[in-house]
Amino acid sequence: MTIDYRIVDIMSEFEPAVDLEILIWGLNPRDAAPSHLLHVIGVNGGAYIAAFHDAQMVGIAFAFPVWRGNQRILWSYMTGVHPGYQGQNIGLNLKLKQREWALANGYNTIPWTFDPMQCGNANFNFHKLGATSNIYHINRKVMSLPPLFLPERVLRRSPRYLGSRLYPLWPRAPSLSDRA
């Protein structure tokens, strides 16, 4: 199976990207990043990289520029893979393409947050990417799938559950491709 990776910058390609975002995370459509916003950010300093199997979009990595103090960084907002294509290093390759793009466009730092209680997230971020973390945000509202350990009564009251987030630090060296 051949997977092609490329920057998405044509407005018509952002609609399937939003559909994929909803599918991957089981989002309410109103919680998905809208296609017009993705397009504006993607052509103004951000990067929307997609993975394609034939003509089907099967993975996405979206990042946008932000300022942290006096440093311009590329905030990696989301990386995800269609459920039917997970476990094939597509997510890893998307992150590596994102890093390659970031370095080529003058970004030295790519931070993000993730839910450490989702085992797949922890494995991906620490094992596959080699990220480390020394910042832990407790009780942040997040819009991802709720962890399995939350009681149903909590989920009924608050579909946007309070969860914890780790803020990983990703080494800049491009040697992570050896981890695939």
C-alpha atoms as a PDB file:
ATOM      1  CA  MET A   1       0.000   0.000   0.000  1.00  0.00           C
ATOM      2  CA  THR A   2       1.370   3.396  -0.995  1.00  0.00           C
ATOM      3  CA  ILE A   3       0.614   6.442   1.153  1.00  0.00           C
ATOM      4  CA  ASP A   4       1.303   9.895  -0.244  1.00  0.00           C
ATOM      5  CA  TYR A   5       1.912  12.868   2.074  1.00  0.00           C
ATOM      6  CA  ARG A   6       1.433  16.460   1.008  1.00  0.00           C
ATOM      7  CA  ILE A   7       0.435  19.926   2.120  1.00  0.00           C
ATOM      8  CA  VAL A   8      -3.277  20.654   1.736  1.00  0.00           C
ATOM      9  CA  ASP A   9      -3.831  24.213   0.534  1.00  0.00           C
ATOM     10  CA  ILE A  10      -6.831  23.973  -1.797  1.00  0.00           C
ATOM     11  CA  MET A  11     -10.124  24.950  -0.183  1.00  0.00           C
ATOM     12  CA  SER A  12     -12.013  21.977  -1.638  1.00  0.00           C
ATOM     13  CA  GLU A  13      -9.679  19.554   0.166  1.00  0.00           C
ATOM     14  CA  PHE A  14     -10.434  20.984   3.598  1.00  0.00           C
ATOM     15  CA  GLU A  15     -14.029  19.655   3.670  1.00  0.00           C
ATOM     16  CA  PRO A  16     -12.891  15.991   3.601  1.00  0.00           C
ATOM     17  CA  ALA A  17     -10.276  16.959   6.204  1.00  0.00           C
ATOM     18  CA  VAL A  18     -13.017  18.158   8.557  1.00  0.00           C
ATOM     19  CA  ASP A  19     -14.998  14.971   7.909  1.00  0.00           C
ATOM     20  CA  LEU A  20     -11.912  12.923   8.765  1.00  0.00           C
ATOM     21  CA  GLU A  21     -11.374  14.947  11.949  1.00  0.00           C
ATOM     22  CA  ILE A  22     -14.959  14.183  13.036  1.00  0.00           C
ATOM     23  CA  LEU A  23     -14.505  10.478  12.238  1.00  0.00           C
ATOM     24  CA  ILE A  24     -11.155  10.088  14.011  1.00  0.00           C
ATOM     25  CA  TRP A  25     -12.155  11.741  17.290  1.00  0.00           C
ATOM     26  CA  GLY A  26     -15.903  11.132  17.212  1.00  0.00           C
ATOM     27  CA  LEU A  27     -16.478  14.868  17.470  1.00  0.00           C
ATOM     28  CA  ASN A  28     -19.714  16.742  17.427  1.00  0.00           C
ATOM     29  CA  PRO A  29     -19.423  18.648  14.105  1.00  0.00           C
ATOM     30  CA  ARG A  30     -19.606  21.975  15.939  1.00  0.00           C
ATOM     31  CA  ASP A  31     -16.391  21.057  17.792  1.00  0.00           C
ATOM     32  CA  ALA A  32     -14.442  20.361  14.587  1.00  0.00           C
ATOM     33  CA  ALA A  33     -12.083  23.000  13.217  1.00  0.00           C
ATOM     34  CA  PRO A  34     -14.034  24.570  10.321  1.00  0.00           C
ATOM     35  CA  SER A  35     -12.672  24.199   6.805  1.00  0.00           C
ATOM     36  CA  HIS A  36     -12.477  27.936   6.108  1.00  0.00           C
ATOM     37  CA  LEU A  37     -10.354  28.466   9.241  1.00  0.00           C
ATOM     38  CA  LEU A  38      -8.075  25.550   8.327  1.00  0.00           C
ATOM     39  CA  HIS A  39      -7.589  27.066   4.891  1.00  0.00           C
ATOM     40  CA  VAL A  40      -6.765  30.560   6.170  1.00  0.00           C
ATOM     41  CA  ILE A  41      -4.251  29.232   8.703  1.00  0.00           C
ATOM     42  CA  GLY A  42      -2.800  26.776   6.195  1.00  0.00           C
ATOM     43  CA  VAL A  43      -1.952  29.479   3.686  1.00  0.00           C
ATOM     44  CA  ASN A  44      -0.756  32.019   6.282  1.00  0.00           C
ATOM     45  CA  GLY A  45       2.093  30.375   8.143  1.00  0.00           C
ATOM     46  CA  GLY A  46       0.529  27.128   9.305  1.00  0.00           C
ATOM     47  CA  ALA A  47       0.731  23.661   7.838  1.00  0.00           C
ATOM     48  CA  TYR A  48      -2.027  21.185   7.074  1.00  0.00           C
ATOM     49  CA  ILE A  49      -0.389  17.959   5.964  1.00  0.00           C
ATOM     50  CA  ALA A  50      -2.514  15.039   4.829  1.00  0.00           C
ATOM     51  CA  ALA A  51      -1.862  11.398   4.079  1.00  0.00           C
ATOM     52  CA  PHE A  52      -3.630   9.918   1.060  1.00  0.00           C
ATOM     53  CA  HIS A  53      -4.229   6.314   0.051  1.00  0.00           C
ATOM     54  CA  ASP A  54      -5.134   6.636  -3.619  1.00  0.00           C
ATOM     55  CA  ALA A  55      -7.521   9.612  -3.571  1.00  0.00           C
ATOM     56  CA  GLN A  56      -8.803   9.016  -0.005  1.00  0.00           C
ATOM     57  CA  MET A  57      -7.523  11.249   2.788  1.00  0.00           C
ATOM     58  CA  VAL A  58      -6.560   8.867   5.609  1.00  0.00           C
ATOM     59  CA  GLY A  59      -4.489  11.028   7.963  1.00  0.00           C
ATOM     60  CA  ILE A  60      -4.037  14.650   8.992  1.00  0.00           C
ATOM     61  CA  ALA A  61      -1.547  16.814  10.861  1.00  0.00           C
ATOM     62  CA  PHE A  62      -2.481  20.437  11.463  1.00  0.00           C
ATOM     63  CA  ALA A  63      -0.213  23.068  13.018  1.00  0.00           C
ATOM     64  CA  PHE A  64      -0.313  26.843  13.231  1.00  0.00           C
ATOM     65  CA  PRO A  65       2.096  29.603  14.262  1.00  0.00           C
ATOM     66  CA  VAL A  66       1.897  31.151  17.728  1.00  0.00           C
ATOM     67  CA  TRP A  67       4.127  33.337  19.859  1.00  0.00           C
ATOM     68  CA  ARG A  68       5.404  32.054  23.186  1.00  0.00           C
ATOM     69  CA  GLY A  69       7.155  34.999  24.805  1.00  0.00           C
ATOM     70  CA  ASN A  70       9.448  36.317  22.085  1.00  0.00           C
ATOM     71  CA  GLN A  71       9.727  32.977  20.274  1.00  0.00           C
ATOM     72  CA  ARG A  72       7.636  32.015  17.226  1.00  0.00           C
ATOM     73  CA  ILE A  73       6.624  28.351  17.483  1.00  0.00           C
ATOM     74  CA  LEU A  74       4.522  25.970  15.407  1.00  0.00           C
ATOM     75  CA  TRP A  75       1.715  24.657  17.629  1.00  0.00           C
ATOM     76  CA  SER A  76       0.738  21.146  16.544  1.00  0.00           C
ATOM     77  CA  TYR A  77      -3.003  21.204  17.092  1.00  0.00           C
ATOM     78  CA  MET A  78      -3.950  17.767  15.835  1.00  0.00           C
ATOM     79  CA  THR A  79      -2.539  14.651  14.260  1.00  0.00           C
ATOM     80  CA  GLY A  80      -4.798  11.709  13.550  1.00  0.00           C
ATOM     81  CA  VAL A  81      -5.306   8.711  11.314  1.00  0.00           C
ATOM     82  CA  HIS A  82      -8.472   7.119   9.962  1.00  0.00           C
ATOM     83  CA  PRO A  83      -9.348   4.152  12.249  1.00  0.00           C
ATOM     84  CA  GLY A  84      -9.029   1.718   9.345  1.00  0.00           C
ATOM     85  CA  TYR A  85      -5.448   2.845   8.675  1.00  0.00           C
ATOM     86  CA  GLN A  86      -4.059   3.069  12.202  1.00  0.00           C
ATOM     87  CA  GLY A  87      -1.058   0.987  13.226  1.00  0.00           C
ATOM     88  CA  GLN A  88       0.773   1.524   9.915  1.00  0.00           C
ATOM     89  CA  ASN A  89       3.100   4.389  10.948  1.00  0.00           C
ATOM     90  CA  ILE A  90       0.994   6.946   9.078  1.00  0.00           C
ATOM     91  CA  GLY A  91       0.749   9.142  12.196  1.00  0.00           C
ATOM     92  CA  LEU A  92       4.499   8.916  12.723  1.00  0.00           C
ATOM     93  CA  ASN A  93       5.173   9.846   9.104  1.00  0.00           C
ATOM     94  CA  LEU A  94       2.768  12.786   9.355  1.00  0.00           C
ATOM     95  CA  LYS A  95       4.630  14.103  12.414  1.00  0.00           C
ATOM     96  CA  LEU A  96       7.981  13.644  10.669  1.00  0.00           C
ATOM     97  CA  LYS A  97       6.664  15.524   7.615  1.00  0.00           C
ATOM     98  CA  GLN A  98       5.372  18.221   9.960  1.00  0.00           C
ATOM     99  CA  ARG A  99       8.823  18.512  11.548  1.00  0.00           C
ATOM    100  CA  GLU A 100      10.487  18.646   8.127  1.00  0.00           C
ATOM    101  CA  TRP A 101       8.097  21.410   7.046  1.00  0.00           C
ATOM    102  CA  ALA A 102       8.617  23.321  10.303  1.00  0.00           C
ATOM    103  CA  LEU A 103      12.399  23.301  10.023  1.00  0.00           C
ATOM    104  CA  ALA A 104      12.250  24.329   6.350  1.00  0.00           C
ATOM    105  CA  ASN A 105       9.979  27.247   7.297  1.00  0.00           C
ATOM    106  CA  GLY A 106      12.028  28.608  10.185  1.00  0.00           C
ATOM    107  CA  TYR A 107      10.321  26.987  13.173  1.00  0.00           C
ATOM    108  CA  ASN A 108      12.573  25.412  15.795  1.00  0.00           C
ATOM    109  CA  THR A 109       9.912  24.339  18.294  1.00  0.00           C
ATOM    110  CA  ILE A 110       6.788  22.197  17.816  1.00  0.00           C
ATOM    111  CA  PRO A 111       4.810  21.813  21.049  1.00  0.00           C
ATOM    112  CA  TRP A 112       1.369  20.235  21.594  1.00  0.00           C
ATOM    113  CA  THR A 113      -0.612  18.613  24.378  1.00  0.00           C
ATOM    114  CA  PHE A 114      -2.132  15.155  24.649  1.00  0.00           C
ATOM    115  CA  ASP A 115      -4.199  13.066  27.049  1.00  0.00           C
ATOM    116  CA  PRO A 116      -1.782  10.721  28.845  1.00  0.00           C
ATOM    117  CA  MET A 117      -4.663   8.476  29.943  1.00  0.00           C
ATOM    118  CA  GLN A 118      -5.191   7.408  26.351  1.00  0.00           C
ATOM    119  CA  CYS A 119      -2.635   4.584  26.077  1.00  0.00           C
ATOM    120  CA  GLY A 120      -2.258   4.967  22.316  1.00  0.00           C
ATOM    121  CA  ASN A 121      -1.439   8.656  22.746  1.00  0.00           C
ATOM    122  CA  ALA A 122       1.178   7.956  25.389  1.00  0.00           C
ATOM    123  CA  ASN A 123       2.791   5.184  23.322  1.00  0.00           C
ATOM    124  CA  PHE A 124       2.830   7.313  20.183  1.00  0.00           C
ATOM    125  CA  ASN A 125       4.219  10.453  21.809  1.00  0.00           C
ATOM    126  CA  PHE A 126       6.816   8.864  24.085  1.00  0.00           C
ATOM    127  CA  HIS A 127       7.821   5.676  22.273  1.00  0.00           C
ATOM    128  CA  LYS A 128       7.368   6.489  18.581  1.00  0.00           C
ATOM    129  CA  LEU A 129       8.258  10.205  18.627  1.00  0.00           C
ATOM    130  CA  GLY A 130      10.684  10.118  21.537  1.00  0.00           C
ATOM    131  CA  ALA A 131       9.050  13.130  23.185  1.00  0.00           C
ATOM    132  CA  THR A 132       9.528  13.899  26.861  1.00  0.00           C
ATOM    133  CA  SER A 133       7.349  15.943  29.173  1.00  0.00           C
ATOM    134  CA  ASN A 134       7.816  17.864  32.381  1.00  0.00           C
ATOM    135  CA  ILE A 135       4.602  19.907  32.242  1.00  0.00           C
ATOM    136  CA  TYR A 136       1.290  18.389  33.350  1.00  0.00           C
ATOM    137  CA  HIS A 137      -1.961  20.346  33.108  1.00  0.00           C
ATOM    138  CA  ILE A 138      -4.669  19.028  35.435  1.00  0.00           C
ATOM    139  CA  ASN A 139      -8.420  19.445  34.817  1.00  0.00           C
ATOM    140  CA  ARG A 140      -8.333  21.155  31.463  1.00  0.00           C
ATOM    141  CA  LYS A 141     -11.424  21.097  29.303  1.00  0.00           C
ATOM    142  CA  VAL A 142     -10.657  18.993  26.272  1.00  0.00           C
ATOM    143  CA  MET A 143     -12.711  18.031  23.256  1.00  0.00           C
ATOM    144  CA  SER A 144     -11.537  14.520  22.594  1.00  0.00           C
ATOM    145  CA  LEU A 145     -13.114  11.200  23.273  1.00  0.00           C
ATOM    146  CA  PRO A 146     -13.632  10.751  27.013  1.00  0.00           C
ATOM    147  CA  PRO A 147     -11.400   8.227  28.733  1.00  0.00           C
ATOM    148  CA  LEU A 148     -12.974   4.896  29.532  1.00  0.00           C
ATOM    149  CA  PHE A 149     -12.608   5.297  33.294  1.00  0.00           C
ATOM    150  CA  LEU A 150     -14.999   8.255  33.606  1.00  0.00           C
ATOM    151  CA  PRO A 151     -18.369   7.331  35.131  1.00  0.00           C
ATOM    152  CA  GLU A 152     -21.364   7.589  32.793  1.00  0.00           C
ATOM    153  CA  ARG A 153     -22.992  10.172  35.096  1.00  0.00           C
ATOM    154  CA  VAL A 154     -20.011  12.509  34.574  1.00  0.00           C
ATOM    155  CA  LEU A 155     -20.169  12.068  30.811  1.00  0.00           C
ATOM    156  CA  ARG A 156     -23.904  12.855  30.756  1.00  0.00           C
ATOM    157  CA  ARG A 157     -23.321  16.097  32.704  1.00  0.00           C
ATOM    158  CA  SER A 158     -20.281  17.238  30.768  1.00  0.00           C
ATOM    159  CA  PRO A 159     -19.616  15.838  27.302  1.00  0.00           C
ATOM    160  CA  ARG A 160     -16.478  18.012  27.269  1.00  0.00           C
ATOM    161  CA  TYR A 161     -14.895  16.289  30.220  1.00  0.00           C
ATOM    162  CA  LEU A 162     -12.241  17.750  32.467  1.00  0.00           C
ATOM    163  CA  GLY A 163      -9.119  15.836  31.641  1.00  0.00           C
ATOM    164  CA  SER A 164      -5.430  16.139  32.182  1.00  0.00           C
ATOM    165  CA  ARG A 165      -2.951  17.027  29.462  1.00  0.00           C
ATOM    166  CA  LEU A 166       0.774  16.487  29.092  1.00  0.00           C
ATOM    167  CA  TYR A 167       2.820  19.075  27.249  1.00  0.00           C
ATOM    168  CA  PRO A 168       5.594  17.140  25.448  1.00  0.00           C
ATOM    169  CA  LEU A 169       8.985  18.431  24.455  1.00  0.00           C
ATOM    170  CA  TRP A 170      10.121  17.076  21.126  1.00  0.00           C
ATOM    171  CA  PRO A 171      13.833  16.907  20.392  1.00  0.00           C
ATOM    172  CA  ARG A 172      14.734  18.911  17.296  1.00  0.00           C
ATOM    173  CA  ALA A 173      17.188  16.362  15.864  1.00  0.00           C
ATOM    174  CA  PRO A 174      15.658  14.604  12.841  1.00  0.00           C
ATOM    175  CA  SER A 175      16.857  11.172  13.978  1.00  0.00           C
ATOM    176  CA  LEU A 176      13.351  10.045  14.940  1.00  0.00           C
ATOM    177  CA  SER A 177      12.806   8.357  11.585  1.00  0.00           C
ATOM    178  CA  ASP A 178      14.936   5.526  13.028  1.00  0.00           C
ATOM    179  CA  ARG A 179      12.074   4.810  15.485  1.00  0.00           C
ATOM    180  CA  ALA A 180       9.581   3.764  12.771  1.00  0.00           C
END
